[in-house]
Amino acid sequence: MSVSVDPELVNDVRQSIYATIVERGTPPAACEVAAARGVSVAAVEEAYRALAGSHVIVLALETGEIWAAPPFAAPPTAFRVTSGRRAWFAPCAWDSFGIPAAAGVDVEIEAHCAWDRAPLPCGVRNGDVYGEGVLHRLVPASRFWDDIRFT
């Protein structure tokens, strides 16, 4: 039997996830969201599953906690994005350019050439992208969610 999740709670949980990531650089644990919202951890976990089912977030296979809330990644990755003293990780090069839009800030992106690991300075300044390089995707965008962790 499927359990219906309150859409208002799902939206509140989504907003909590993104606000927390923008503020501190990492996603909240389900227990943190539950405490902040005054609901049970089970209700937040169900909201997490609903968001994952809608491709809004990606859950860690081992724990059920947030692995990514695109364009943000929970674990450290090869794509570190900084703005002043704040820093985030992106799951991929493509998402690293989504972080400045999501956070509303200019950023520097620490990226490296996949071939020789040479630094590729890039980022967003005054709303404009800067840097040189080519973004090569092995997987077409229409297939990203077939295996989002690989993509």
Foldseek 3Di string as FASTA:
>chain_A
DDDDADPVVLVQLLVQQLVVCLVAQAGDWLVVSCVVVVHDSVNSLVSLVVCVVVVQFPADPVPSGTQGRFQFGHDADQKWKDDVPHITHGLDPVRSQVVCVSNVGWIWIFHADPPPRHTWTWTADPRRTDTDDDDDDPDDPVCCVVPVNVD
